[in-house]
Amino acid sequence: MVGESAEALIAGLLKLRPQGPLLHLRGESGVGNVAQTLTRLGLTTREQVVYRQDLLPFTDQALAALGGPDTVIAPLFSPRTARQFADLAPNAGVLWLAAMSEAVRNPLISLGANAITVAKRPDFDAMVKAVEMLVKQALRVEGGSDAH
């Protein structure tokens, strides 16, 4: 892997200077303008959208959980879904949030969550670890110092 973020990918490819043209496969909604930036910096790069993520409304159950007194631990994987979450849950109760990156964390700051943890790496395994850490923290807070 050349980079775990758009910025790291661009920096890594500029360092490697592979023979072009390059093809950046990406989602319909993304950040970083990788192909445009690489082309502007001398590495001819085309892009192709290969997937689309449709934003869906929250279910009634999700809205009820967010509006209730119980703790909600939510993993958020993209800046787009984080913005949607922040827009749909501005008055949520007890939130503990795991963000895949700083770009995902930024839209969540206004929610006043008990904690927002950024994964150590932008991948599934790191997100699982971030959620596990939040569960342990939430249990300590809710159960006192004896909680496991």
C-alpha atoms as a PDB file:
ATOM      1  CA  MET A   1       0.000   0.000   0.000  1.00  0.00           C
ATOM      2  CA  VAL A   2       1.330   3.427  -0.928  1.00  0.00           C
ATOM      3  CA  GLY A   3      -0.776   5.499   1.477  1.00  0.00           C
ATOM      4  CA  GLU A   4      -3.648   5.257   3.939  1.00  0.00           C
ATOM      5  CA  SER A   5      -5.132   8.639   3.036  1.00  0.00           C
ATOM      6  CA  ALA A   6      -5.454  10.736  -0.110  1.00  0.00           C
ATOM      7  CA  GLU A   7      -2.566  12.917   1.052  1.00  0.00           C
ATOM      8  CA  ALA A   8      -0.328   9.934   1.841  1.00  0.00           C
ATOM      9  CA  LEU A   9      -1.199   8.279  -1.478  1.00  0.00           C
ATOM     10  CA  ILE A  10      -0.278  11.420  -3.408  1.00  0.00           C
ATOM     11  CA  ALA A  11       2.980  11.864  -1.470  1.00  0.00           C
ATOM     12  CA  GLY A  12       3.918   8.203  -1.921  1.00  0.00           C
ATOM     13  CA  LEU A  13       3.256   8.204  -5.655  1.00  0.00           C
ATOM     14  CA  LEU A  14       5.178  11.446  -6.126  1.00  0.00           C
ATOM     15  CA  LYS A  15       8.128   9.838  -4.352  1.00  0.00           C
ATOM     16  CA  LEU A  16       7.925   6.627  -6.424  1.00  0.00           C
ATOM     17  CA  ARG A  17       7.277   8.446  -9.739  1.00  0.00           C
ATOM     18  CA  PRO A  18       5.793   5.377 -11.496  1.00  0.00           C
ATOM     19  CA  GLN A  19       5.496   5.348 -15.286  1.00  0.00           C
ATOM     20  CA  GLY A  20       2.061   6.643 -16.253  1.00  0.00           C
ATOM     21  CA  PRO A  21      -0.617   7.029 -17.040  1.00  0.00           C
ATOM     22  CA  LEU A  22      -2.108   6.024 -13.702  1.00  0.00           C
ATOM     23  CA  LEU A  23      -5.720   5.110 -12.914  1.00  0.00           C
ATOM     24  CA  HIS A  24      -7.290   6.078  -9.584  1.00  0.00           C
ATOM     25  CA  LEU A  25     -10.277   3.846  -8.730  1.00  0.00           C
ATOM     26  CA  ARG A  26     -12.523   5.604  -6.243  1.00  0.00           C
ATOM     27  CA  GLY A  27     -15.972   6.108  -4.812  1.00  0.00           C
ATOM     28  CA  GLU A  28     -18.424   8.611  -6.230  1.00  0.00           C
ATOM     29  CA  SER A  29     -18.119  10.779  -3.130  1.00  0.00           C
ATOM     30  CA  GLY A  30     -14.554  11.296  -2.036  1.00  0.00           C
ATOM     31  CA  VAL A  31     -11.995  13.721  -0.729  1.00  0.00           C
ATOM     32  CA  GLY A  32      -8.570  14.683  -1.918  1.00  0.00           C
ATOM     33  CA  ASN A  33      -8.889  15.080  -5.712  1.00  0.00           C
ATOM     34  CA  VAL A  34      -6.140  12.489  -6.156  1.00  0.00           C
ATOM     35  CA  ALA A  35      -6.180  12.259  -9.966  1.00  0.00           C
ATOM     36  CA  GLN A  36      -6.303  16.021 -10.482  1.00  0.00           C
ATOM     37  CA  THR A  37      -3.536  16.664  -7.970  1.00  0.00           C
ATOM     38  CA  LEU A  38      -1.237  13.980  -9.385  1.00  0.00           C
ATOM     39  CA  THR A  39      -1.798  15.210 -12.943  1.00  0.00           C
ATOM     40  CA  ARG A  40      -1.102  18.798 -11.905  1.00  0.00           C
ATOM     41  CA  LEU A  41       2.139  17.617 -10.267  1.00  0.00           C
ATOM     42  CA  GLY A  42       3.352  15.753 -13.337  1.00  0.00           C
ATOM     43  CA  LEU A  43       1.927  12.229 -13.009  1.00  0.00           C
ATOM     44  CA  THR A  44      -0.806  11.837 -15.619  1.00  0.00           C
ATOM     45  CA  THR A  45      -3.693  10.188 -13.779  1.00  0.00           C
ATOM     46  CA  ARG A  46      -7.211   9.315 -14.831  1.00  0.00           C
ATOM     47  CA  GLU A  47      -9.952   8.373 -12.427  1.00  0.00           C
ATOM     48  CA  GLN A  48     -12.844   5.951 -12.513  1.00  0.00           C
ATOM     49  CA  VAL A  49     -15.732   5.830 -10.064  1.00  0.00           C
ATOM     50  CA  VAL A  50     -16.255   2.177  -9.108  1.00  0.00           C
ATOM     51  CA  TYR A  51     -18.796   2.424  -6.294  1.00  0.00           C
ATOM     52  CA  ARG A  52     -21.483   4.678  -4.868  1.00  0.00           C
ATOM     53  CA  GLN A  53     -22.618   4.878  -1.281  1.00  0.00           C
ATOM     54  CA  ASP A  54     -26.227   5.965  -0.918  1.00  0.00           C
ATOM     55  CA  LEU A  55     -27.022   7.906   2.239  1.00  0.00           C
ATOM     56  CA  LEU A  56     -30.091   6.479   3.939  1.00  0.00           C
ATOM     57  CA  PRO A  57     -32.280   8.094   6.587  1.00  0.00           C
ATOM     58  CA  PHE A  58     -32.036   6.867  10.156  1.00  0.00           C
ATOM     59  CA  THR A  59     -34.539   4.189  11.109  1.00  0.00           C
ATOM     60  CA  ASP A  60     -37.121   4.931  13.785  1.00  0.00           C
ATOM     61  CA  GLN A  61     -35.179   2.614  16.111  1.00  0.00           C
ATOM     62  CA  ALA A  62     -31.942   4.540  15.531  1.00  0.00           C
ATOM     63  CA  LEU A  63     -33.663   7.869  16.168  1.00  0.00           C
ATOM     64  CA  ALA A  64     -35.215   6.494  19.357  1.00  0.00           C
ATOM     65  CA  ALA A  65     -31.834   5.224  20.572  1.00  0.00           C
ATOM     66  CA  LEU A  66     -30.160   8.551  19.828  1.00  0.00           C
ATOM     67  CA  GLY A  67     -32.904  10.470  21.632  1.00  0.00           C
ATOM     68  CA  GLY A  68     -32.964   8.217  24.658  1.00  0.00           C
ATOM     69  CA  PRO A  69     -30.930   8.006  27.849  1.00  0.00           C
ATOM     70  CA  ASP A  70     -28.865   4.971  26.851  1.00  0.00           C
ATOM     71  CA  THR A  71     -25.283   5.087  25.656  1.00  0.00           C
ATOM     72  CA  VAL A  72     -24.810   4.935  21.883  1.00  0.00           C
ATOM     73  CA  ILE A  73     -21.459   3.801  20.496  1.00  0.00           C
ATOM     74  CA  ALA A  74     -21.218   4.475  16.763  1.00  0.00           C
ATOM     75  CA  PRO A  75     -18.403   3.789  14.288  1.00  0.00           C
ATOM     76  CA  LEU A  76     -18.243   6.298  11.430  1.00  0.00           C
ATOM     77  CA  PHE A  77     -16.197   5.446   8.357  1.00  0.00           C
ATOM     78  CA  SER A  78     -16.401   8.458   6.037  1.00  0.00           C
ATOM     79  CA  PRO A  79     -16.615  12.249   6.261  1.00  0.00           C
ATOM     80  CA  ARG A  80     -19.882  12.102   4.343  1.00  0.00           C
ATOM     81  CA  THR A  81     -21.588   9.732   6.790  1.00  0.00           C
ATOM     82  CA  ALA A  82     -20.138  11.684   9.724  1.00  0.00           C
ATOM     83  CA  ARG A  83     -21.730  14.876   8.360  1.00  0.00           C
ATOM     84  CA  GLN A  84     -25.038  13.052   7.953  1.00  0.00           C
ATOM     85  CA  PHE A  85     -24.792  11.657  11.485  1.00  0.00           C
ATOM     86  CA  ALA A  86     -24.082  15.125  12.896  1.00  0.00           C
ATOM     87  CA  ASP A  87     -26.981  16.623  10.915  1.00  0.00           C
ATOM     88  CA  LEU A  88     -29.469  13.942  11.994  1.00  0.00           C
ATOM     89  CA  ALA A  89     -28.372  13.635  15.620  1.00  0.00           C
ATOM     90  CA  PRO A  90     -27.669  17.187  16.832  1.00  0.00           C
ATOM     91  CA  ASN A  91     -29.409  16.589  20.170  1.00  0.00           C
ATOM     92  CA  ALA A  92     -28.357  13.006  20.772  1.00  0.00           C
ATOM     93  CA  GLY A  93     -27.911  11.804  24.302  1.00  0.00           C
ATOM     94  CA  VAL A  94     -24.856   9.866  25.436  1.00  0.00           C
ATOM     95  CA  LEU A  95     -22.515   9.429  22.448  1.00  0.00           C
ATOM     96  CA  TRP A  96     -19.211   7.585  22.162  1.00  0.00           C
ATOM     97  CA  LEU A  97     -17.947   7.820  18.590  1.00  0.00           C
ATOM     98  CA  ALA A  98     -15.206   6.056  16.632  1.00  0.00           C
ATOM     99  CA  ALA A  99     -13.950   7.915  13.549  1.00  0.00           C
ATOM    100  CA  MET A 100     -11.836   6.345  10.822  1.00  0.00           C
ATOM    101  CA  SER A 101      -9.752   9.521  10.375  1.00  0.00           C
ATOM    102  CA  GLU A 102      -9.457  13.162  11.389  1.00  0.00           C
ATOM    103  CA  ALA A 103     -11.531  14.058   8.310  1.00  0.00           C
ATOM    104  CA  VAL A 104     -14.305  11.834   9.694  1.00  0.00           C
ATOM    105  CA  ARG A 105     -13.928  13.262  13.203  1.00  0.00           C
ATOM    106  CA  ASN A 106     -14.222  16.926  12.218  1.00  0.00           C
ATOM    107  CA  PRO A 107     -17.994  17.012  11.457  1.00  0.00           C
ATOM    108  CA  LEU A 108     -18.681  15.230  14.764  1.00  0.00           C
ATOM    109  CA  ILE A 109     -17.067  17.767  17.085  1.00  0.00           C
ATOM    110  CA  SER A 110     -20.228  19.883  17.379  1.00  0.00           C
ATOM    111  CA  LEU A 111     -22.176  16.952  18.855  1.00  0.00           C
ATOM    112  CA  GLY A 112     -20.528  17.202  22.270  1.00  0.00           C
ATOM    113  CA  ALA A 113     -19.920  13.458  22.448  1.00  0.00           C
ATOM    114  CA  ASN A 114     -18.502  11.895  25.598  1.00  0.00           C
ATOM    115  CA  ALA A 115     -15.593  10.744  23.434  1.00  0.00           C
ATOM    116  CA  ILE A 116     -14.529  10.735  19.808  1.00  0.00           C
ATOM    117  CA  THR A 117     -11.739   8.266  19.146  1.00  0.00           C
ATOM    118  CA  VAL A 118      -9.834   8.333  15.862  1.00  0.00           C
ATOM    119  CA  ALA A 119      -8.644   4.930  14.661  1.00  0.00           C
ATOM    120  CA  LYS A 120      -4.872   4.439  14.576  1.00  0.00           C
ATOM    121  CA  ARG A 121      -5.127   3.463  10.889  1.00  0.00           C
ATOM    122  CA  PRO A 122      -7.971   3.963   8.412  1.00  0.00           C
ATOM    123  CA  ASP A 123      -8.929   0.297   8.179  1.00  0.00           C
ATOM    124  CA  PHE A 124     -11.535  -2.084   9.545  1.00  0.00           C
ATOM    125  CA  ASP A 125      -9.300  -3.746  12.153  1.00  0.00           C
ATOM    126  CA  ALA A 126      -8.267  -0.397  13.623  1.00  0.00           C
ATOM    127  CA  MET A 127     -11.928   0.658  13.768  1.00  0.00           C
ATOM    128  CA  VAL A 128     -12.809  -2.542  15.648  1.00  0.00           C
ATOM    129  CA  LYS A 129     -10.084  -1.736  18.180  1.00  0.00           C
ATOM    130  CA  ALA A 130     -11.344   1.852  18.501  1.00  0.00           C
ATOM    131  CA  VAL A 131     -14.892   0.636  19.195  1.00  0.00           C
ATOM    132  CA  GLU A 132     -13.613  -1.925  21.722  1.00  0.00           C
ATOM    133  CA  MET A 133     -11.736   0.855  23.518  1.00  0.00           C
ATOM    134  CA  LEU A 134     -14.885   3.014  23.597  1.00  0.00           C
ATOM    135  CA  VAL A 135     -16.918   0.134  25.031  1.00  0.00           C
ATOM    136  CA  LYS A 136     -14.367  -0.286  27.835  1.00  0.00           C
ATOM    137  CA  GLN A 137     -14.351   3.462  28.533  1.00  0.00           C
ATOM    138  CA  ALA A 138     -18.146   3.656  28.552  1.00  0.00           C
ATOM    139  CA  LEU A 139     -18.387   0.677  30.911  1.00  0.00           C
ATOM    140  CA  ARG A 140     -15.914   2.306  33.314  1.00  0.00           C
ATOM    141  CA  VAL A 141     -17.876   5.571  33.285  1.00  0.00           C
ATOM    142  CA  GLU A 142     -21.283   3.937  33.665  1.00  0.00           C
ATOM    143  CA  GLY A 143     -20.235   1.177  36.049  1.00  0.00           C
ATOM    144  CA  GLY A 144     -17.672   2.971  38.137  1.00  0.00           C
ATOM    145  CA  SER A 145     -14.081   1.879  38.661  1.00  0.00           C
ATOM    146  CA  ASP A 146     -15.039  -1.793  39.197  1.00  0.00           C
ATOM    147  CA  ALA A 147     -16.506  -2.239  35.694  1.00  0.00           C
ATOM    148  CA  HIS A 148     -14.616  -4.570  33.346  1.00  0.00           C
END
